[in-house]
Amino acid sequence: MAMRANDGSSLVEVLVATLVLVTGVLGVAQLFLIAAVTNAAARDTTMATTLAAQKVEQLLSTDLAEESGLIDHVDRWGQVVGTAESPPANAVYTRRWAIEPLSAETVAIRVRVGRSDRVGGSGPMAGESRVVAVKPRPRS
């Protein structure tokens, strides 16, 4: 019996189809990895921004003395776990703030928050969030 040309798939066709399938699956896997990394970065940025806004609100609700270089370290639940220059082991975020005069009537509150594992002293923190607010000085 003679074989006809359309009786089935050849080995070359199966290999090409497998190559196309594997390429597609690898592309989708890479997209999942990129999405996971982006999601983690977005979570860090959101938490850092929330912590900065909370500190600004706290400082706005108190009488302020002009100070700078103040620092606290926060765990993953937003609880302060230390105020020393170097973060404790359970710190996830580092919050730095300064209160500076703008004029005789106002002060600026500047808060920076970044991951504790990426803090570089007083320089910029990787992935940090910054919030600035202006508050009138209390009249005496």
N, C-alpha and C. Protein backbone atom coordinates (compact mmCIF):
# COMPACT_ATOMS: atom_id res chain seq x y z
N MET A 1 0.84 -1.17 0.00
CA MET A 1 0.00 0.00 0.00
C MET A 1 0.89 1.24 0.00
N ALA A 2 0.56 2.20 -0.81
CA ALA A 2 1.35 3.42 -0.93
C ALA A 2 0.89 4.45 0.10
N MET A 3 1.86 5.23 0.71
CA MET A 3 1.53 6.28 1.68
C MET A 3 1.12 7.54 0.96
N ARG A 4 0.08 8.16 1.47
CA ARG A 4 -0.35 9.42 0.89
C ARG A 4 0.28 10.57 1.66
N ALA A 5 0.39 11.74 1.06
CA ALA A 5 1.06 12.90 1.66
C ALA A 5 0.29 13.48 2.84
N ASN A 6 -1.01 13.28 2.94
CA ASN A 6 -1.78 13.90 4.02
C ASN A 6 -2.28 12.89 5.05
N ASP A 7 -1.54 11.81 5.24
CA ASP A 7 -1.92 10.80 6.22
C ASP A 7 -1.63 11.20 7.65
N GLY A 8 -0.78 12.17 7.92
CA GLY A 8 -0.44 12.55 9.30
C GLY A 8 0.59 13.65 9.31
N SER A 9 1.12 13.92 10.50
CA SER A 9 2.11 14.96 10.66
C SER A 9 3.50 14.36 10.60
N SER A 10 4.38 15.11 10.01
CA SER A 10 5.75 14.65 9.97
C SER A 10 6.48 15.09 11.25
N LEU A 11 7.61 14.52 11.50
CA LEU A 11 8.40 14.86 12.68
C LEU A 11 8.78 16.33 12.66
N VAL A 12 9.08 16.89 11.52
CA VAL A 12 9.45 18.30 11.41
C VAL A 12 8.27 19.18 11.82
N GLU A 13 7.07 18.83 11.39
CA GLU A 13 5.90 19.62 11.76
C GLU A 13 5.65 19.58 13.27
N VAL A 14 5.82 18.43 13.86
CA VAL A 14 5.64 18.30 15.32
C VAL A 14 6.69 19.11 16.06
N LEU A 15 7.92 19.09 15.61
CA LEU A 15 8.98 19.87 16.26
C LEU A 15 8.72 21.38 16.13
N VAL A 16 8.26 21.83 14.98
CA VAL A 16 7.95 23.25 14.79
C VAL A 16 6.79 23.66 15.70
N ALA A 17 5.76 22.85 15.76
CA ALA A 17 4.62 23.14 16.62
C ALA A 17 5.05 23.19 18.09
N THR A 18 5.91 22.27 18.50
CA THR A 18 6.42 22.26 19.89
C THR A 18 7.24 23.50 20.17
N LEU A 19 8.06 23.91 19.22
CA LEU A 19 8.87 25.11 19.38
C LEU A 19 7.98 26.35 19.54
N VAL A 20 6.94 26.45 18.73
CA VAL A 20 6.01 27.59 18.84
C VAL A 20 5.32 27.58 20.20
N LEU A 21 4.87 26.41 20.65
CA LEU A 21 4.20 26.28 21.94
C LEU A 21 5.13 26.65 23.09
N VAL A 22 6.35 26.15 23.09
CA VAL A 22 7.32 26.45 24.15
C VAL A 22 7.65 27.93 24.18
N THR A 23 7.82 28.54 23.01
CA THR A 23 8.10 29.98 22.94
C THR A 23 6.95 30.79 23.56
N GLY A 24 5.72 30.40 23.26
CA GLY A 24 4.56 31.09 23.83
C GLY A 24 4.49 30.92 25.34
N VAL A 25 4.72 29.72 25.83
CA VAL A 25 4.66 29.46 27.28
C VAL A 25 5.76 30.24 28.00
N LEU A 26 6.96 30.28 27.44
CA LEU A 26 8.04 31.04 28.07
C LEU A 26 7.73 32.54 28.10
N GLY A 27 7.11 33.03 27.04
CA GLY A 27 6.71 34.44 27.02
C GLY A 27 5.70 34.76 28.10
N VAL A 28 4.71 33.89 28.27
CA VAL A 28 3.70 34.09 29.32
C VAL A 28 4.33 33.99 30.70
N ALA A 29 5.25 33.05 30.90
CA ALA A 29 5.93 32.92 32.19
C ALA A 29 6.73 34.17 32.52
N GLN A 30 7.38 34.74 31.53
CA GLN A 30 8.13 35.98 31.74
C GLN A 30 7.19 37.13 32.10
N LEU A 31 6.03 37.19 31.49
CA LEU A 31 5.04 38.22 31.84
C LEU A 31 4.57 38.06 33.28
N PHE A 32 4.37 36.82 33.74
CA PHE A 32 3.99 36.60 35.13
C PHE A 32 5.08 37.08 36.08
N LEU A 33 6.34 36.84 35.75
CA LEU A 33 7.45 37.29 36.58
C LEU A 33 7.49 38.82 36.63
N ILE A 34 7.36 39.46 35.50
CA ILE A 34 7.35 40.93 35.45
C ILE A 34 6.18 41.48 36.26
N ALA A 35 5.02 40.86 36.15
CA ALA A 35 3.84 41.31 36.91
C ALA A 35 4.07 41.17 38.41
N ALA A 36 4.69 40.09 38.84
CA ALA A 36 4.95 39.89 40.27
C ALA A 36 5.93 40.93 40.81
N VAL A 37 6.98 41.22 40.06
CA VAL A 37 7.96 42.22 40.49
C VAL A 37 7.33 43.60 40.53
N THR A 38 6.55 43.94 39.52
CA THR A 38 5.88 45.23 39.48
C THR A 38 4.87 45.36 40.62
N ASN A 39 4.15 44.29 40.92
CA ASN A 39 3.19 44.29 42.01
C ASN A 39 3.88 44.52 43.35
N ALA A 40 5.02 43.89 43.57
CA ALA A 40 5.77 44.08 44.82
C ALA A 40 6.26 45.52 44.93
N ALA A 41 6.75 46.09 43.85
CA ALA A 41 7.21 47.48 43.87
C ALA A 41 6.06 48.43 44.14
N ALA A 42 4.90 48.16 43.55
CA ALA A 42 3.73 49.01 43.78
C ALA A 42 3.27 48.92 45.23
N ARG A 43 3.33 47.72 45.80
CA ARG A 43 2.96 47.54 47.21
C ARG A 43 3.89 48.34 48.11
N ASP A 44 5.20 48.29 47.84
CA ASP A 44 6.17 49.05 48.63
C ASP A 44 5.92 50.55 48.50
N THR A 45 5.66 51.02 47.29
CA THR A 45 5.42 52.45 47.08
C THR A 45 4.14 52.90 47.79
N THR A 46 3.11 52.08 47.72
CA THR A 46 1.85 52.41 48.39
C THR A 46 2.04 52.47 49.90
N MET A 47 2.73 51.49 50.46
CA MET A 47 2.96 51.48 51.91
C MET A 47 3.83 52.66 52.32
N ALA A 48 4.87 52.96 51.55
CA ALA A 48 5.75 54.09 51.87
C ALA A 48 4.98 55.40 51.82
N THR A 49 4.13 55.57 50.83
CA THR A 49 3.34 56.79 50.73
C THR A 49 2.36 56.90 51.88
N THR A 50 1.74 55.80 52.26
CA THR A 50 0.81 55.80 53.39
C THR A 50 1.53 56.15 54.69
N LEU A 51 2.71 55.57 54.91
CA LEU A 51 3.47 55.88 56.12
C LEU A 51 3.91 57.34 56.15
N ALA A 52 4.30 57.88 55.00
CA ALA A 52 4.69 59.29 54.94
C ALA A 52 3.50 60.19 55.24
N ALA A 53 2.35 59.89 54.66
CA ALA A 53 1.15 60.69 54.90
C ALA A 53 0.72 60.62 56.37
N GLN A 54 0.85 59.44 56.98
CA GLN A 54 0.50 59.31 58.40
C GLN A 54 1.40 60.18 59.27
N LYS A 55 2.70 60.20 58.96
CA LYS A 55 3.63 61.01 59.76
C LYS A 55 3.33 62.49 59.57
N VAL A 56 3.03 62.91 58.35
CA VAL A 56 2.68 64.32 58.11
C VAL A 56 1.44 64.68 58.92
N GLU A 57 0.42 63.83 58.90
CA GLU A 57 -0.80 64.10 59.66
C GLU A 57 -0.50 64.18 61.16
N GLN A 58 0.35 63.29 61.64
CA GLN A 58 0.73 63.32 63.05
C GLN A 58 1.45 64.62 63.39
N LEU A 59 2.37 65.04 62.53
CA LEU A 59 3.12 66.27 62.80
C LEU A 59 2.24 67.51 62.65
N LEU A 60 1.29 67.48 61.73
CA LEU A 60 0.38 68.62 61.57
C LEU A 60 -0.52 68.80 62.80
N SER A 61 -0.78 67.72 63.51
CA SER A 61 -1.69 67.79 64.65
C SER A 61 -0.99 68.16 65.96
N THR A 62 0.31 68.41 65.92
CA THR A 62 1.05 68.75 67.14
C THR A 62 1.71 70.12 66.98
N ASP A 63 2.15 70.69 68.11
CA ASP A 63 2.96 71.90 68.07
C ASP A 63 4.36 71.49 67.65
N LEU A 64 4.89 72.17 66.66
CA LEU A 64 6.16 71.75 66.07
C LEU A 64 7.31 72.61 66.55
N ALA A 65 8.41 71.97 66.82
CA ALA A 65 9.67 72.67 67.03
C ALA A 65 10.47 72.46 65.74
N GLU A 66 11.28 73.43 65.38
CA GLU A 66 12.07 73.29 64.16
C GLU A 66 13.17 72.27 64.40
N GLU A 67 13.05 71.14 63.75
CA GLU A 67 14.00 70.05 63.91
C GLU A 67 14.24 69.43 62.55
N SER A 68 15.37 68.76 62.43
CA SER A 68 15.62 68.02 61.20
C SER A 68 16.38 66.75 61.53
N GLY A 69 16.41 65.84 60.60
CA GLY A 69 17.15 64.61 60.78
C GLY A 69 16.47 63.62 61.70
N LEU A 70 15.18 63.78 61.94
CA LEU A 70 14.46 62.86 62.80
C LEU A 70 14.15 61.59 62.01
N ILE A 71 14.12 60.46 62.72
CA ILE A 71 14.02 59.18 62.03
C ILE A 71 13.25 58.19 62.89
N ASP A 72 12.50 57.33 62.23
CA ASP A 72 11.99 56.14 62.90
C ASP A 72 11.92 55.00 61.89
N HIS A 73 11.92 53.80 62.42
CA HIS A 73 11.87 52.59 61.60
C HIS A 73 10.55 51.89 61.88
N VAL A 74 9.94 51.38 60.82
CA VAL A 74 8.60 50.83 60.91
C VAL A 74 8.60 49.40 60.39
N ASP A 75 7.83 48.52 61.07
CA ASP A 75 7.73 47.14 60.61
C ASP A 75 6.68 47.03 59.50
N ARG A 76 6.43 45.83 59.03
CA ARG A 76 5.53 45.66 57.89
C ARG A 76 4.08 45.95 58.21
N TRP A 77 3.73 46.07 59.50
CA TRP A 77 2.37 46.41 59.91
C TRP A 77 2.21 47.89 60.21
N GLY A 78 3.28 48.68 60.04
CA GLY A 78 3.19 50.11 60.26
C GLY A 78 3.49 50.54 61.69
N GLN A 79 4.01 49.64 62.51
CA GLN A 79 4.34 49.96 63.90
C GLN A 79 5.80 50.40 63.99
N VAL A 80 6.05 51.46 64.76
CA VAL A 80 7.42 51.95 64.95
C VAL A 80 8.18 50.93 65.79
N VAL A 81 9.34 50.50 65.30
CA VAL A 81 10.14 49.50 66.00
C VAL A 81 11.51 50.02 66.42
N GLY A 82 11.83 51.27 66.10
CA GLY A 82 13.12 51.82 66.51
C GLY A 82 13.28 53.24 66.02
N THR A 83 14.17 53.98 66.70
CA THR A 83 14.44 55.37 66.32
C THR A 83 15.93 55.64 66.18
N ALA A 84 16.76 54.61 66.23
CA ALA A 84 18.20 54.79 66.08
C ALA A 84 18.53 55.00 64.60
N GLU A 85 19.75 55.42 64.31
CA GLU A 85 20.15 55.67 62.92
C GLU A 85 20.11 54.39 62.08
N SER A 86 20.59 53.28 62.64
CA SER A 86 20.55 52.03 61.87
C SER A 86 19.27 51.26 62.21
N PRO A 87 18.64 50.67 61.22
CA PRO A 87 17.36 50.00 61.45
C PRO A 87 17.53 48.68 62.20
N PRO A 88 16.58 48.35 63.08
CA PRO A 88 16.61 47.03 63.71
C PRO A 88 16.26 45.94 62.70
N ALA A 89 16.45 44.71 63.09
CA ALA A 89 16.26 43.59 62.16
C ALA A 89 14.83 43.48 61.65
N ASN A 90 13.85 43.85 62.47
CA ASN A 90 12.45 43.68 62.04
C ASN A 90 11.89 44.92 61.33
N ALA A 91 12.72 45.92 61.05
CA ALA A 91 12.27 47.12 60.34
C ALA A 91 12.17 46.83 58.85
N VAL A 92 11.10 47.31 58.25
CA VAL A 92 10.91 47.15 56.81
C VAL A 92 11.06 48.50 56.12
N TYR A 93 10.56 49.57 56.75
CA TYR A 93 10.61 50.91 56.18
C TYR A 93 11.32 51.86 57.14
N THR A 94 12.01 52.83 56.57
CA THR A 94 12.64 53.89 57.35
C THR A 94 11.99 55.20 56.97
N ARG A 95 11.62 55.96 58.00
CA ARG A 95 10.94 57.24 57.80
C ARG A 95 11.85 58.33 58.34
N ARG A 96 12.15 59.32 57.53
CA ARG A 96 12.95 60.48 57.95
C ARG A 96 12.11 61.73 57.73
N TRP A 97 12.20 62.66 58.67
CA TRP A 97 11.45 63.89 58.48
C TRP A 97 12.22 65.08 59.02
N ALA A 98 11.84 66.24 58.53
CA ALA A 98 12.47 67.50 58.94
C ALA A 98 11.38 68.56 59.01
N ILE A 99 11.54 69.48 59.94
CA ILE A 99 10.64 70.62 60.09
C ILE A 99 11.51 71.85 59.92
N GLU A 100 11.23 72.62 58.87
CA GLU A 100 12.10 73.73 58.51
C GLU A 100 11.28 75.01 58.37
N PRO A 101 11.83 76.15 58.78
CA PRO A 101 11.08 77.40 58.63
C PRO A 101 11.00 77.81 57.17
N LEU A 102 9.83 78.28 56.76
CA LEU A 102 9.67 78.85 55.43
C LEU A 102 9.61 80.37 55.52
N SER A 103 8.92 80.84 56.55
CA SER A 103 8.79 82.28 56.79
C SER A 103 8.54 82.46 58.28
N ALA A 104 8.28 83.69 58.68
CA ALA A 104 8.00 83.94 60.09
C ALA A 104 6.68 83.30 60.51
N GLU A 105 5.80 83.03 59.54
CA GLU A 105 4.48 82.49 59.86
C GLU A 105 4.31 81.00 59.55
N THR A 106 5.19 80.40 58.78
CA THR A 106 4.98 79.01 58.36
C THR A 106 6.24 78.16 58.50
N VAL A 107 5.99 76.86 58.60
CA VAL A 107 7.07 75.88 58.59
C VAL A 107 6.73 74.81 57.56
N ALA A 108 7.75 74.18 57.02
CA ALA A 108 7.56 73.07 56.08
C ALA A 108 7.84 71.76 56.80
N ILE A 109 7.01 70.79 56.54
CA ILE A 109 7.21 69.44 57.07
C ILE A 109 7.55 68.57 55.87
N ARG A 110 8.73 67.96 55.90
CA ARG A 110 9.17 67.10 54.80
C ARG A 110 9.37 65.69 55.36
N VAL A 111 8.71 64.72 54.75
CA VAL A 111 8.81 63.33 55.20
C VAL A 111 9.22 62.47 54.01
N ARG A 112 10.22 61.61 54.24
CA ARG A 112 10.67 60.65 53.24
C ARG A 112 10.56 59.25 53.84
N VAL A 113 10.06 58.31 53.06
CA VAL A 113 9.95 56.93 53.52
C VAL A 113 10.47 56.02 52.43
N GLY A 114 11.30 55.06 52.82
CA GLY A 114 11.82 54.08 51.88
C GLY A 114 12.06 52.76 52.57
N ARG A 115 12.34 51.73 51.81
CA ARG A 115 12.62 50.42 52.37
C ARG A 115 13.88 50.49 53.22
N SER A 116 13.85 49.87 54.39
CA SER A 116 15.01 49.89 55.30
C SER A 116 16.22 49.18 54.71
N ASP A 117 15.98 48.17 53.88
CA ASP A 117 17.11 47.44 53.30
C ASP A 117 17.77 48.20 52.15
N ARG A 118 17.21 49.36 51.78
CA ARG A 118 17.77 50.16 50.70
C ARG A 118 18.13 51.58 51.15
N VAL A 119 18.22 51.79 52.45
CA VAL A 119 18.50 53.12 52.97
C VAL A 119 19.99 53.39 52.88
N GLY A 120 20.32 54.57 52.40
CA GLY A 120 21.72 54.95 52.30
C GLY A 120 22.02 56.20 53.09
N GLY A 121 21.89 56.14 54.41
CA GLY A 121 22.18 57.30 55.26
C GLY A 121 21.21 58.43 55.00
N SER A 122 21.73 59.64 54.85
CA SER A 122 20.84 60.79 54.63
C SER A 122 20.60 61.04 53.15
N GLY A 123 21.22 60.26 52.29
CA GLY A 123 21.02 60.41 50.85
C GLY A 123 19.69 59.84 50.40
N PRO A 124 19.47 59.78 49.10
CA PRO A 124 18.19 59.27 48.61
C PRO A 124 18.01 57.79 48.92
N MET A 125 16.79 57.41 49.20
CA MET A 125 16.45 56.02 49.44
C MET A 125 15.82 55.47 48.16
N ALA A 126 16.19 54.26 47.80
CA ALA A 126 15.62 53.66 46.60
C ALA A 126 14.13 53.45 46.79
N GLY A 127 13.34 53.81 45.79
CA GLY A 127 11.91 53.61 45.85
C GLY A 127 11.22 54.41 46.92
N GLU A 128 11.79 55.52 47.30
CA GLU A 128 11.21 56.28 48.41
C GLU A 128 9.99 57.08 47.97
N SER A 129 9.17 57.42 48.97
CA SER A 129 8.06 58.33 48.78
C SER A 129 8.34 59.58 49.60
N ARG A 130 7.98 60.72 49.04
CA ARG A 130 8.18 61.99 49.74
C ARG A 130 6.85 62.72 49.83
N VAL A 131 6.60 63.30 51.00
CA VAL A 131 5.41 64.12 51.21
C VAL A 131 5.86 65.40 51.88
N VAL A 132 5.37 66.53 51.39
CA VAL A 132 5.71 67.83 51.95
C VAL A 132 4.41 68.54 52.31
N ALA A 133 4.39 69.17 53.48
CA ALA A 133 3.22 69.95 53.90
C ALA A 133 3.70 71.25 54.50
N VAL A 134 2.84 72.24 54.50
CA VAL A 134 3.14 73.54 55.09
C VAL A 134 2.15 73.76 56.22
N LYS A 135 2.69 74.24 57.35
CA LYS A 135 1.84 74.47 58.52
C LYS A 135 2.11 75.86 59.05
N PRO A 136 1.06 76.60 59.40
CA PRO A 136 1.28 77.91 60.03
C PRO A 136 1.85 77.72 61.44
N ARG A 137 2.72 78.61 61.82
CA ARG A 137 3.26 78.56 63.19
C ARG A 137 2.20 79.03 64.16
N PRO A 138 2.17 78.44 65.34
CA PRO A 138 1.19 78.91 66.33
C PRO A 138 1.51 80.34 66.77
N ARG A 139 0.48 81.14 66.93
CA ARG A 139 0.69 82.52 67.39
C ARG A 139 0.87 82.52 68.88
N SER A 140 1.85 83.32 69.35
CA SER A 140 2.09 83.36 70.80
C SER A 140 1.42 84.54 71.44
